Amino acid sequence: MTLVRFLRPDGRLDCEVEAPAGTNLLDVAQAHGQALEGACEGQMACSTCHVIVALADFDRLRRASEDEDDLLDLAVGVTRTSRLACQIALPEGELTVRMPPSSHDWRRD
């Protein structure tokens, strides 16, 4: 199992959830009310599931592909540890991610 901590854009804890290792982060985030649109439904054709991974956890993830890096170039508020949630398989243990300031789920409007 993986303990996932979702932080708000200001860094405050929003929620903690447990999910099986290997589960897609976008699926977990949406199931727990996080403001990640995932407009392309996880097909890596947009950047609406951009998250900022905690530095301590970043190197434990599979490296981003060139296509993912290209899409992150289009996201607002990108940092060195930015990733697309649709491309993250939860590692064993813990994972902390922060929502970027521009995160919004248009499906909720």
PDB file of N, CA and C in Angstrom:
ATOM      1  N   MET A   1       0.838  -1.194   0.000  1.00  0.00           N
ATOM      2  CA  MET A   1       0.000   0.000   0.000  1.00  0.00           C
ATOM      3  C   MET A   1       0.880   1.254   0.000  1.00  0.00           C
ATOM      4  N   THR A   2       0.273   2.314  -0.484  1.00  0.00           N
ATOM      5  CA  THR A   2       0.952   3.606  -0.534  1.00  0.00           C
ATOM      6  C   THR A   2       0.101   4.639   0.179  1.00  0.00           C
ATOM      7  N   LEU A   3       0.706   5.408   1.038  1.00  0.00           N
ATOM      8  CA  LEU A   3       0.048   6.539   1.668  1.00  0.00           C
ATOM      9  C   LEU A   3       0.314   7.746   0.781  1.00  0.00           C
ATOM     10  N   VAL A   4      -0.757   8.329   0.238  1.00  0.00           N
ATOM     11  CA  VAL A   4      -0.622   9.494  -0.639  1.00  0.00           C
ATOM     12  C   VAL A   4      -1.103  10.719   0.118  1.00  0.00           C
ATOM     13  N   ARG A   5      -0.239  11.724   0.174  1.00  0.00           N
ATOM     14  CA  ARG A   5      -0.592  13.004   0.795  1.00  0.00           C
ATOM     15  C   ARG A   5      -0.821  14.014  -0.320  1.00  0.00           C
ATOM     16  N   PHE A   6      -1.999  14.588  -0.335  1.00  0.00           N
ATOM     17  CA  PHE A   6      -2.321  15.639  -1.294  1.00  0.00           C
ATOM     18  C   PHE A   6      -2.259  16.979  -0.561  1.00  0.00           C
ATOM     19  N   LEU A   7      -1.390  17.845  -1.049  1.00  0.00           N
ATOM     20  CA  LEU A   7      -1.245  19.171  -0.461  1.00  0.00           C
ATOM     21  C   LEU A   7      -1.932  20.204  -1.333  1.00  0.00           C
ATOM     22  N   ARG A   8      -2.460  21.217  -0.700  1.00  0.00           N
ATOM     23  CA  ARG A   8      -3.050  22.349  -1.421  1.00  0.00           C
ATOM     24  C   ARG A   8      -1.926  23.182  -2.039  1.00  0.00           C
ATOM     25  N   PRO A   9      -2.270  24.092  -2.943  1.00  0.00           N
ATOM     26  CA  PRO A   9      -1.224  24.927  -3.559  1.00  0.00           C
ATOM     27  C   PRO A   9      -0.362  25.688  -2.544  1.00  0.00           C
ATOM     28  N   ASP A  10      -0.935  26.030  -1.389  1.00  0.00           N
ATOM     29  CA  ASP A  10      -0.164  26.757  -0.372  1.00  0.00           C
ATOM     30  C   ASP A  10       0.665  25.828   0.510  1.00  0.00           C
ATOM     31  N   GLY A  11       0.615  24.525   0.248  1.00  0.00           N
ATOM     32  CA  GLY A  11       1.408  23.562   0.994  1.00  0.00           C
ATOM     33  C   GLY A  11       0.717  22.928   2.181  1.00  0.00           C
ATOM     34  N   ARG A  12      -0.488  23.401   2.508  1.00  0.00           N
ATOM     35  CA  ARG A  12      -1.229  22.793   3.625  1.00  0.00           C
ATOM     36  C   ARG A  12      -1.797  21.444   3.195  1.00  0.00           C
ATOM     37  N   LEU A  13      -1.873  20.518   4.134  1.00  0.00           N
ATOM     38  CA  LEU A  13      -2.416  19.193   3.853  1.00  0.00           C
ATOM     39  C   LEU A  13      -3.890  19.292   3.508  1.00  0.00           C
ATOM     40  N   ASP A  14      -4.280  18.689   2.402  1.00  0.00           N
ATOM     41  CA  ASP A  14      -5.691  18.603   2.019  1.00  0.00           C
ATOM     42  C   ASP A  14      -6.264  17.277   2.485  1.00  0.00           C
ATOM     43  N   CYS A  15      -5.597  16.167   2.118  1.00  0.00           N
ATOM     44  CA  CYS A  15      -6.057  14.856   2.576  1.00  0.00           C
ATOM     45  C   CYS A  15      -4.966  13.819   2.419  1.00  0.00           C
ATOM     46  N   GLU A  16      -5.119  12.728   3.143  1.00  0.00           N
ATOM     47  CA  GLU A  16      -4.245  11.566   3.030  1.00  0.00           C
ATOM     48  C   GLU A  16      -5.109  10.371   2.699  1.00  0.00           C
ATOM     49  N   VAL A  17      -4.664   9.569   1.758  1.00  0.00           N
ATOM     50  CA  VAL A  17      -5.410   8.371   1.379  1.00  0.00           C
ATOM     51  C   VAL A  17      -4.441   7.216   1.175  1.00  0.00           C
ATOM     52  N   GLU A  18      -4.931   6.010   1.314  1.00  0.00           N
ATOM     53  CA  GLU A  18      -4.137   4.827   1.018  1.00  0.00           C
ATOM     54  C   GLU A  18      -4.663   4.196  -0.255  1.00  0.00           C
ATOM     55  N   ALA A  19      -3.735   3.723  -1.068  1.00  0.00           N
ATOM     56  CA  ALA A  19      -4.091   3.056  -2.322  1.00  0.00           C
ATOM     57  C   ALA A  19      -3.028   2.005  -2.604  1.00  0.00           C
ATOM     58  N   PRO A  20      -3.373   0.987  -3.363  1.00  0.00           N
ATOM     59  CA  PRO A  20      -2.392  -0.046  -3.687  1.00  0.00           C
ATOM     60  C   PRO A  20      -1.240   0.518  -4.526  1.00  0.00           C
ATOM     61  N   ALA A  21      -0.024   0.076  -4.230  1.00  0.00           N
ATOM     62  CA  ALA A  21       1.130   0.451  -5.044  1.00  0.00           C
ATOM     63  C   ALA A  21       0.848   0.041  -6.485  1.00  0.00           C
ATOM     64  N   GLY A  22       1.281   0.863  -7.424  1.00  0.00           N
ATOM     65  CA  GLY A  22       1.045   0.604  -8.841  1.00  0.00           C
ATOM     66  C   GLY A  22      -0.202   1.272  -9.390  1.00  0.00           C
ATOM     67  N   THR A  23      -1.084   1.750  -8.512  1.00  0.00           N
ATOM     68  CA  THR A  23      -2.301   2.437  -8.949  1.00  0.00           C
ATOM     69  C   THR A  23      -1.924   3.773  -9.583  1.00  0.00           C
ATOM     70  N   ASN A  24      -2.681   4.191 -10.573  1.00  0.00           N
ATOM     71  CA  ASN A  24      -2.445   5.448 -11.262  1.00  0.00           C
ATOM     72  C   ASN A  24      -2.821   6.617 -10.348  1.00  0.00           C
ATOM     73  N   LEU A  25      -1.903   7.580 -10.195  1.00  0.00           N
ATOM     74  CA  LEU A  25      -2.132   8.709  -9.299  1.00  0.00           C
ATOM     75  C   LEU A  25      -3.331   9.551  -9.712  1.00  0.00           C
ATOM     76  N   LEU A  26      -3.548   9.751 -10.991  1.00  0.00           N
ATOM     77  CA  LEU A  26      -4.703  10.544 -11.439  1.00  0.00           C
ATOM     78  C   LEU A  26      -6.004   9.896 -10.979  1.00  0.00           C
ATOM     79  N   ASP A  27      -6.107   8.590 -11.101  1.00  0.00           N
ATOM     80  CA  ASP A  27      -7.314   7.883 -10.661  1.00  0.00           C
ATOM     81  C   ASP A  27      -7.549   8.069  -9.167  1.00  0.00           C
ATOM     82  N   VAL A  28      -6.479   7.955  -8.379  1.00  0.00           N
ATOM     83  CA  VAL A  28      -6.587   8.121  -6.929  1.00  0.00           C
ATOM     84  C   VAL A  28      -7.006   9.553  -6.603  1.00  0.00           C
ATOM     85  N   ALA A  29      -6.371  10.518  -7.248  1.00  0.00           N
ATOM     86  CA  ALA A  29      -6.676  11.929  -6.990  1.00  0.00           C
ATOM     87  C   ALA A  29      -8.140  12.248  -7.300  1.00  0.00           C
ATOM     88  N   GLN A  30      -8.615  11.815  -8.446  1.00  0.00           N
ATOM     89  CA  GLN A  30     -10.000  12.110  -8.818  1.00  0.00           C
ATOM     90  C   GLN A  30     -10.987  11.395  -7.908  1.00  0.00           C
ATOM     91  N   ALA A  31     -10.668  10.195  -7.484  1.00  0.00           N
ATOM     92  CA  ALA A  31     -11.554   9.446  -6.586  1.00  0.00           C
ATOM     93  C   ALA A  31     -11.658  10.092  -5.212  1.00  0.00           C
ATOM     94  N   HIS A  32     -10.690  10.948  -4.884  1.00  0.00           N
ATOM     95  CA  HIS A  32     -10.682  11.588  -3.572  1.00  0.00           C
ATOM     96  C   HIS A  32     -10.839  13.098  -3.657  1.00  0.00           C
ATOM     97  N   GLY A  33     -11.480  13.570  -4.721  1.00  0.00           N
ATOM     98  CA  GLY A  33     -11.912  14.962  -4.816  1.00  0.00           C
ATOM     99  C   GLY A  33     -10.836  15.988  -5.086  1.00  0.00           C
ATOM    100  N   GLN A  34      -9.696  15.569  -5.610  1.00  0.00           N
ATOM    101  CA  GLN A  34      -8.656  16.541  -5.924  1.00  0.00           C
ATOM    102  C   GLN A  34      -8.982  17.265  -7.227  1.00  0.00           C
ATOM    103  N   ALA A  35      -8.568  18.526  -7.319  1.00  0.00           N
ATOM    104  CA  ALA A  35      -8.903  19.373  -8.463  1.00  0.00           C
ATOM    105  C   ALA A  35      -7.956  19.117  -9.637  1.00  0.00           C
ATOM    106  N   LEU A  36      -7.999  17.908 -10.152  1.00  0.00           N
ATOM    107  CA  LEU A  36      -7.223  17.554 -11.344  1.00  0.00           C
ATOM    108  C   LEU A  36      -8.203  17.114 -12.412  1.00  0.00           C
ATOM    109  N   GLU A  37      -8.266  17.887 -13.482  1.00  0.00           N
ATOM    110  CA  GLU A  37      -9.255  17.619 -14.521  1.00  0.00           C
ATOM    111  C   GLU A  37      -8.953  16.340 -15.292  1.00  0.00           C
ATOM    112  N   GLY A  38      -7.735  16.179 -15.748  1.00  0.00           N
ATOM    113  CA  GLY A  38      -7.429  15.012 -16.579  1.00  0.00           C
ATOM    114  C   GLY A  38      -8.287  15.008 -17.834  1.00  0.00           C
ATOM    115  N   ALA A  39      -8.300  16.134 -18.538  1.00  0.00           N
ATOM    116  CA  ALA A  39      -9.187  16.321 -19.690  1.00  0.00           C
ATOM    117  C   ALA A  39      -9.021  15.240 -20.748  1.00  0.00           C
ATOM    118  N   CYS A  40      -7.826  14.706 -20.892  1.00  0.00           N
ATOM    119  CA  CYS A  40      -7.587  13.683 -21.920  1.00  0.00           C
ATOM    120  C   CYS A  40      -7.822  12.271 -21.382  1.00  0.00           C
ATOM    121  N   GLU A  41      -8.329  12.190 -20.150  1.00  0.00           N
ATOM    122  CA  GLU A  41      -8.639  10.910 -19.504  1.00  0.00           C
ATOM    123  C   GLU A  41      -7.409  10.013 -19.397  1.00  0.00           C
ATOM    124  N   GLY A  42      -6.272  10.630 -19.108  1.00  0.00           N
ATOM    125  CA  GLY A  42      -5.064   9.869 -18.874  1.00  0.00           C
ATOM    126  C   GLY A  42      -4.335   9.393 -20.110  1.00  0.00           C
ATOM    127  N   GLN A  43      -4.645   9.963 -21.265  1.00  0.00           N
ATOM    128  CA  GLN A  43      -4.002   9.546 -22.519  1.00  0.00           C
ATOM    129  C   GLN A  43      -2.737  10.344 -22.831  1.00  0.00           C
ATOM    130  N   MET A  44      -2.294  11.168 -21.883  1.00  0.00           N
ATOM    131  CA  MET A  44      -1.119  12.023 -22.028  1.00  0.00           C
ATOM    132  C   MET A  44      -1.211  12.892 -23.283  1.00  0.00           C
ATOM    133  N   ALA A  45      -2.318  13.611 -23.378  1.00  0.00           N
ATOM    134  CA  ALA A  45      -2.528  14.524 -24.496  1.00  0.00           C
ATOM    135  C   ALA A  45      -2.790  15.948 -24.006  1.00  0.00           C
ATOM    136  N   CYS A  46      -2.637  16.184 -22.697  1.00  0.00           N
ATOM    137  CA  CYS A  46      -2.841  17.521 -22.135  1.00  0.00           C
ATOM    138  C   CYS A  46      -1.973  17.633 -20.895  1.00  0.00           C
ATOM    139  N   SER A  47      -2.095  18.723 -20.171  1.00  0.00           N
ATOM    140  CA  SER A  47      -1.328  18.888 -18.929  1.00  0.00           C
ATOM    141  C   SER A  47      -2.234  19.259 -17.761  1.00  0.00           C
ATOM    142  N   THR A  48      -3.510  18.887 -17.849  1.00  0.00           N
ATOM    143  CA  THR A  48      -4.476  19.276 -16.816  1.00  0.00           C
ATOM    144  C   THR A  48      -4.402  18.408 -15.567  1.00  0.00           C
ATOM    145  N   CYS A  49      -3.460  17.465 -15.505  1.00  0.00           N
ATOM    146  CA  CYS A  49      -3.264  16.675 -14.287  1.00  0.00           C
ATOM    147  C   CYS A  49      -1.871  16.925 -13.711  1.00  0.00           C
ATOM    148  N   HIS A  50      -1.324  18.100 -13.991  1.00  0.00           N
ATOM    149  CA  HIS A  50      -0.004  18.485 -13.495  1.00  0.00           C
ATOM    150  C   HIS A  50      -0.011  18.538 -11.970  1.00  0.00           C
ATOM    151  N   VAL A  51       0.966  17.874 -11.352  1.00  0.00           N
ATOM    152  CA  VAL A  51       1.180  17.929  -9.911  1.00  0.00           C
ATOM    153  C   VAL A  51       2.658  18.191  -9.648  1.00  0.00           C
ATOM    154  N   ILE A  52       2.950  18.635  -8.437  1.00  0.00           N
ATOM    155  CA  ILE A  52       4.320  18.865  -8.024  1.00  0.00           C
ATOM    156  C   ILE A  52       4.655  17.819  -6.965  1.00  0.00           C
ATOM    157  N   VAL A  53       5.580  16.953  -7.284  1.00  0.00           N
ATOM    158  CA  VAL A  53       5.964  15.852  -6.405  1.00  0.00           C
ATOM    159  C   VAL A  53       6.978  16.361  -5.381  1.00  0.00           C
ATOM    160  N   ALA A  54       6.827  15.918  -4.134  1.00  0.00           N
ATOM    161  CA  ALA A  54       7.794  16.289  -3.092  1.00  0.00           C
ATOM    162  C   ALA A  54       9.183  15.837  -3.507  1.00  0.00           C
ATOM    163  N   LEU A  55      10.160  16.678  -3.250  1.00  0.00           N
ATOM    164  CA  LEU A  55      11.535  16.389  -3.638  1.00  0.00           C
ATOM    165  C   LEU A  55      11.995  15.037  -3.085  1.00  0.00           C
ATOM    166  N   ALA A  56      11.623  14.713  -1.857  1.00  0.00           N
ATOM    167  CA  ALA A  56      12.034  13.454  -1.236  1.00  0.00           C
ATOM    168  C   ALA A  56      11.477  12.236  -1.968  1.00  0.00           C
ATOM    169  N   ASP A  57      10.397  12.409  -2.707  1.00  0.00           N
ATOM    170  CA  ASP A  57       9.745  11.291  -3.407  1.00  0.00           C
ATOM    171  C   ASP A  57      10.064  11.253  -4.897  1.00  0.00           C
ATOM    172  N   PHE A  58      10.527  12.363  -5.438  1.00  0.00           N
ATOM    173  CA  PHE A  58      10.666  12.503  -6.888  1.00  0.00           C
ATOM    174  C   PHE A  58      11.573  11.440  -7.508  1.00  0.00           C
ATOM    175  N   ASP A  59      12.700  11.175  -6.927  1.00  0.00           N
ATOM    176  CA  ASP A  59      13.654  10.221  -7.512  1.00  0.00           C
ATOM    177  C   ASP A  59      13.204   8.766  -7.400  1.00  0.00           C
ATOM    178  N   ARG A  60      12.154   8.506  -6.620  1.00  0.00           N
ATOM    179  CA  ARG A  60      11.640   7.133  -6.511  1.00  0.00           C
ATOM    180  C   ARG A  60      10.675   6.798  -7.645  1.00  0.00           C
ATOM    181  N   LEU A  61      10.301   7.799  -8.437  1.00  0.00           N
ATOM    182  CA  LEU A  61       9.372   7.575  -9.543  1.00  0.00           C
ATOM    183  C   LEU A  61      10.131   7.243 -10.817  1.00  0.00           C
ATOM    184  N   ARG A  62       9.453   6.521 -11.698  1.00  0.00           N
ATOM    185  CA  ARG A  62      10.006   6.267 -13.028  1.00  0.00           C
ATOM    186  C   ARG A  62      10.226   7.617 -13.706  1.00  0.00           C
ATOM    187  N   ARG A  63      11.299   7.732 -14.416  1.00  0.00           N
ATOM    188  CA  ARG A  63      11.651   8.985 -15.094  1.00  0.00           C
ATOM    189  C   ARG A  63      10.567   9.370 -16.119  1.00  0.00           C
ATOM    190  N   ALA A  64      10.310  10.671 -16.240  1.00  0.00           N
ATOM    191  CA  ALA A  64       9.327  11.166 -17.210  1.00  0.00           C
ATOM    192  C   ALA A  64       9.822  10.921 -18.629  1.00  0.00           C
ATOM    193  N   SER A  65       8.904  10.588 -19.500  1.00  0.00           N
ATOM    194  CA  SER A  65       9.249  10.408 -20.913  1.00  0.00           C
ATOM    195  C   SER A  65       9.434  11.778 -21.574  1.00  0.00           C
ATOM    196  N   GLU A  66       9.993  11.770 -22.763  1.00  0.00           N
ATOM    197  CA  GLU A  66      10.157  13.012 -23.518  1.00  0.00           C
ATOM    198  C   GLU A  66       8.796  13.633 -23.825  1.00  0.00           C
ATOM    199  N   ASP A  67       7.795  12.797 -24.146  1.00  0.00           N
ATOM    200  CA  ASP A  67       6.445  13.308 -24.419  1.00  0.00           C
ATOM    201  C   ASP A  67       5.848  13.987 -23.186  1.00  0.00           C
ATOM    202  N   GLU A  68       6.055  13.391 -22.010  1.00  0.00           N
ATOM    203  CA  GLU A  68       5.547  14.004 -20.786  1.00  0.00           C
ATOM    204  C   GLU A  68       6.251  15.333 -20.534  1.00  0.00           C
ATOM    205  N   ASP A  69       7.565  15.372 -20.712  1.00  0.00           N
ATOM    206  CA  ASP A  69       8.307  16.628 -20.542  1.00  0.00           C
ATOM    207  C   ASP A  69       7.783  17.709 -21.492  1.00  0.00           C
ATOM    208  N   ASP A  70       7.471  17.328 -22.725  1.00  0.00           N
ATOM    209  CA  ASP A  70       6.934  18.289 -23.694  1.00  0.00           C
ATOM    210  C   ASP A  70       5.599  18.852 -23.224  1.00  0.00           C
ATOM    211  N   LEU A  71       4.734  18.011 -22.673  1.00  0.00           N
ATOM    212  CA  LEU A  71       3.436  18.482 -22.182  1.00  0.00           C
ATOM    213  C   LEU A  71       3.597  19.357 -20.947  1.00  0.00           C
ATOM    214  N   LEU A  72       4.552  19.028 -20.098  1.00  0.00           N
ATOM    215  CA  LEU A  72       4.785  19.858 -18.916  1.00  0.00           C
ATOM    216  C   LEU A  72       5.238  21.259 -19.302  1.00  0.00           C
ATOM    217  N   ASP A  73       5.864  21.408 -20.467  1.00  0.00           N
ATOM    218  CA  ASP A  73       6.243  22.735 -20.949  1.00  0.00           C
ATOM    219  C   ASP A  73       5.027  23.634 -21.140  1.00  0.00           C
ATOM    220  N   LEU A  74       3.848  23.043 -21.290  1.00  0.00           N
ATOM    221  CA  LEU A  74       2.618  23.802 -21.507  1.00  0.00           C
ATOM    222  C   LEU A  74       1.867  24.109 -20.212  1.00  0.00           C
ATOM    223  N   ALA A  75       2.275  23.492 -19.118  1.00  0.00           N
ATOM    224  CA  ALA A  75       1.572  23.656 -17.842  1.00  0.00           C
ATOM    225  C   ALA A  75       2.012  24.940 -17.141  1.00  0.00           C
ATOM    226  N   VAL A  76       1.122  25.472 -16.318  1.00  0.00           N
ATOM    227  CA  VAL A  76       1.404  26.678 -15.535  1.00  0.00           C
ATOM    228  C   VAL A  76       2.008  26.268 -14.194  1.00  0.00           C
ATOM    229  N   GLY A  77       3.024  26.987 -13.760  1.00  0.00           N
ATOM    230  CA  GLY A  77       3.603  26.745 -12.445  1.00  0.00           C
ATOM    231  C   GLY A  77       4.495  25.524 -12.351  1.00  0.00           C
ATOM    232  N   VAL A  78       5.119  25.144 -13.458  1.00  0.00           N
ATOM    233  CA  VAL A  78       5.971  23.956 -13.486  1.00  0.00           C
ATOM    234  C   VAL A  78       7.217  24.181 -12.625  1.00  0.00           C
ATOM    235  N   THR A  79       7.618  23.125 -11.920  1.00  0.00           N
ATOM    236  CA  THR A  79       8.834  23.142 -11.118  1.00  0.00           C
ATOM    237  C   THR A  79       9.721  21.975 -11.558  1.00  0.00           C
ATOM    238  N   ARG A  80      10.879  21.880 -10.959  1.00  0.00           N
ATOM    239  CA  ARG A  80      11.802  20.797 -11.286  1.00  0.00           C
ATOM    240  C   ARG A  80      11.204  19.420 -10.978  1.00  0.00           C
ATOM    241  N   THR A  81      10.265  19.351 -10.027  1.00  0.00           N
ATOM    242  CA  THR A  81       9.675  18.071  -9.649  1.00  0.00           C
ATOM    243  C   THR A  81       8.232  17.919 -10.147  1.00  0.00           C
ATOM    244  N   SER A  82       7.881  18.661 -11.175  1.00  0.00           N
ATOM    245  CA  SER A  82       6.540  18.545 -11.762  1.00  0.00           C
ATOM    246  C   SER A  82       6.415  17.256 -12.561  1.00  0.00           C
ATOM    247  N   ARG A  83       5.234  16.672 -12.505  1.00  0.00           N
ATOM    248  CA  ARG A  83       4.913  15.469 -13.282  1.00  0.00           C
ATOM    249  C   ARG A  83       3.434  15.527 -13.659  1.00  0.00           C
ATOM    250  N   LEU A  84       3.048  14.684 -14.596  1.00  0.00           N
ATOM    251  CA  LEU A  84       1.639  14.497 -14.920  1.00  0.00           C
ATOM    252  C   LEU A  84       1.142  13.320 -14.087  1.00  0.00           C
ATOM    253  N   ALA A  85       0.069  13.540 -13.340  1.00  0.00           N
ATOM    254  CA  ALA A  85      -0.443  12.487 -12.451  1.00  0.00           C
ATOM    255  C   ALA A  85      -0.835  11.237 -13.227  1.00  0.00           C
ATOM    256  N   CYS A  86      -1.257  11.403 -14.476  1.00  0.00           N
ATOM    257  CA  CYS A  86      -1.663  10.244 -15.281  1.00  0.00           C
ATOM    258  C   CYS A  86      -0.491   9.337 -15.616  1.00  0.00           C
ATOM    259  N   GLN A  87       0.730   9.815 -15.404  1.00  0.00           N
ATOM    260  CA  GLN A  87       1.922   9.032 -15.738  1.00  0.00           C
ATOM    261  C   GLN A  87       2.636   8.477 -14.508  1.00  0.00           C
ATOM    262  N   ILE A  88       2.022   8.654 -13.345  1.00  0.00           N
ATOM    263  CA  ILE A  88       2.647   8.184 -12.112  1.00  0.00           C
ATOM    264  C   ILE A  88       1.937   6.938 -11.606  1.00  0.00           C
ATOM    265  N   ALA A  89       2.682   5.844 -11.513  1.00  0.00           N
ATOM    266  CA  ALA A  89       2.222   4.634 -10.831  1.00  0.00           C
ATOM    267  C   ALA A  89       2.709   4.760  -9.389  1.00  0.00           C
ATOM    268  N   LEU A  90       1.802   4.624  -8.437  1.00  0.00           N
ATOM    269  CA  LEU A  90       2.183   4.829  -7.046  1.00  0.00           C
ATOM    270  C   LEU A  90       3.300   3.883  -6.638  1.00  0.00           C
ATOM    271  N   PRO A  91       4.359   4.441  -6.032  1.00  0.00           N
ATOM    272  CA  PRO A  91       5.425   3.591  -5.509  1.00  0.00           C
ATOM    273  C   PRO A  91       4.983   2.997  -4.172  1.00  0.00           C
ATOM    274  N   GLU A  92       5.670   1.992  -3.735  1.00  0.00           N
ATOM    275  CA  GLU A  92       5.403   1.426  -2.407  1.00  0.00           C
ATOM    276  C   GLU A  92       5.819   2.444  -1.360  1.00  0.00           C
ATOM    277  N   GLY A  93       5.071   2.571  -0.283  1.00  0.00           N
ATOM    278  CA  GLY A  93       5.448   3.456   0.821  1.00  0.00           C
ATOM    279  C   GLY A  93       4.608   4.706   0.893  1.00  0.00           C
ATOM    280  N   GLU A  94       5.218   5.850   0.604  1.00  0.00           N
ATOM    281  CA  GLU A  94       4.533   7.135   0.707  1.00  0.00           C
ATOM    282  C   GLU A  94       4.822   7.989  -0.516  1.00  0.00           C
ATOM    283  N   LEU A  95       3.892   8.887  -0.818  1.00  0.00           N
ATOM    284  CA  LEU A  95       4.063   9.836  -1.909  1.00  0.00           C
ATOM    285  C   LEU A  95       3.327  11.108  -1.530  1.00  0.00           C
ATOM    286  N   THR A  96       4.034  12.234  -1.605  1.00  0.00           N
ATOM    287  CA  THR A  96       3.420  13.530  -1.326  1.00  0.00           C
ATOM    288  C   THR A  96       3.433  14.355  -2.594  1.00  0.00           C
ATOM    289  N   VAL A  97       2.261  14.887  -2.954  1.00  0.00           N
ATOM    290  CA  VAL A  97       2.147  15.744  -4.131  1.00  0.00           C
ATOM    291  C   VAL A  97       1.381  17.008  -3.763  1.00  0.00           C
ATOM    292  N   ARG A  98       1.789  18.104  -4.382  1.00  0.00           N
ATOM    293  CA  ARG A  98       1.128  19.390  -4.163  1.00  0.00           C
ATOM    294  C   ARG A  98       0.440  19.805  -5.450  1.00  0.00           C
ATOM    295  N   MET A  99      -0.753  20.336  -5.309  1.00  0.00           N
ATOM    296  CA  MET A  99      -1.476  20.854  -6.456  1.00  0.00           C
ATOM    297  C   MET A  99      -0.847  22.191  -6.844  1.00  0.00           C
ATOM    298  N   PRO A 100      -0.641  22.426  -8.141  1.00  0.00           N
ATOM    299  CA  PRO A 100      -0.106  23.728  -8.557  1.00  0.00           C
ATOM    300  C   PRO A 100      -1.165  24.811  -8.356  1.00  0.00           C
ATOM    301  N   PRO A 101      -0.738  26.060  -8.257  1.00  0.00           N
ATOM    302  CA  PRO A 101      -1.696  27.151  -8.020  1.00  0.00           C
ATOM    303  C   PRO A 101      -2.814  27.225  -9.055  1.00  0.00           C
ATOM    304  N   SER A 102      -2.569  26.758 -10.256  1.00  0.00           N
ATOM    305  CA  SER A 102      -3.567  26.869 -11.324  1.00  0.00           C
ATOM    306  C   SER A 102      -4.478  25.655 -11.436  1.00  0.00           C
ATOM    307  N   SER A 103      -4.368  24.684 -10.519  1.00  0.00           N
ATOM    308  CA  SER A 103      -5.163  23.461 -10.680  1.00  0.00           C
ATOM    309  C   SER A 103      -6.651  23.767 -10.551  1.00  0.00           C
ATOM    310  N   HIS A 104      -7.411  23.150 -11.434  1.00  0.00           N
ATOM    311  CA  HIS A 104      -8.855  23.348 -11.458  1.00  0.00           C
ATOM    312  C   HIS A 104      -9.490  22.172 -12.203  1.00  0.00           C
ATOM    313  N   ASP A 105     -10.619  21.738 -11.690  1.00  0.00           N
ATOM    314  CA  ASP A 105     -11.340  20.653 -12.341  1.00  0.00           C
ATOM    315  C   ASP A 105     -12.621  21.231 -12.916  1.00  0.00           C
ATOM    316  N   TRP A 106     -12.634  21.446 -14.248  1.00  0.00           N
ATOM    317  CA  TRP A 106     -13.789  22.053 -14.899  1.00  0.00           C
ATOM    318  C   TRP A 106     -15.017  21.163 -14.837  1.00  0.00           C
ATOM    319  N   ARG A 107     -14.836  19.890 -14.543  1.00  0.00           N
ATOM    320  CA  ARG A 107     -15.996  18.975 -14.429  1.00  0.00           C
ATOM    321  C   ARG A 107     -16.844  19.329 -13.224  1.00  0.00           C
ATOM    322  N   ARG A 108     -16.288  20.076 -12.276  1.00  0.00           N
ATOM    323  CA  ARG A 108     -17.022  20.436 -11.045  1.00  0.00           C
ATOM    324  C   ARG A 108     -17.859  21.699 -11.215  1.00  0.00           C
ATOM    325  N   ASP A 109     -17.626  22.459 -12.265  1.00  0.00           N
ATOM    326  CA  ASP A 109     -18.353  23.737 -12.450  1.00  0.00           C
ATOM    327  C   ASP A 109     -19.767  23.521 -12.950  1.00  0.00           C
TER     328      ASP A 109
END
